[in-house]
Amino acid sequence: MGYKNGQKTAYETKQKKTVEMIFETHKGECFTAENIVALLKENGSSVSVATVYRHLDSLVKNGKVAKIPTQAGSFLYQYEQCDSCHDQHCSLMCIECGRVIHMDCDELLKLSEHVKEEHGFFIDHFKTVIYGKCISCESK
């Protein structure tokens, strides 16, 4: 930790900035921690998987990156494309090609209200993934 104006601040290391830059330059794409390590190595940076996970946890905590569970029990990470949609959004994941689509629309609010009122259940939109097939895979 560092200090700025008497307040504790997290260090912004070159590695952390590089991890964040990967997401900013690949908006809409999803990565595993291992994918990020491989990309960093391709660009001449040597970073451990543990370090990447630490940076990913920080980016998720700060709302910059979404952590998306997969059917296999692992996680994908995707840049948060919408600053105003943190309350009502979910991810759509194609079971054929693995594509992840960020979904933010008014219908989610209606669904959440229905589930809450009719079923007494609150949806955690940060962890909600709807599995199916994208239009490209469905039309094959």
Foldseek 3Di string as FASTA:
>chain_A
DDDDPNDDDDDDDPVLVLLLVVQVVVAQDKDALVRSCVVCVVVPDHDDSVVSVVSQVVCVVVVQWAWEADPVGGTIIHGDPDPPQPQFWAWEAEPPPGRIDIDGDPVSVVVQVCCCVVPVDGDDRSHDYHYHHDPVVVVD
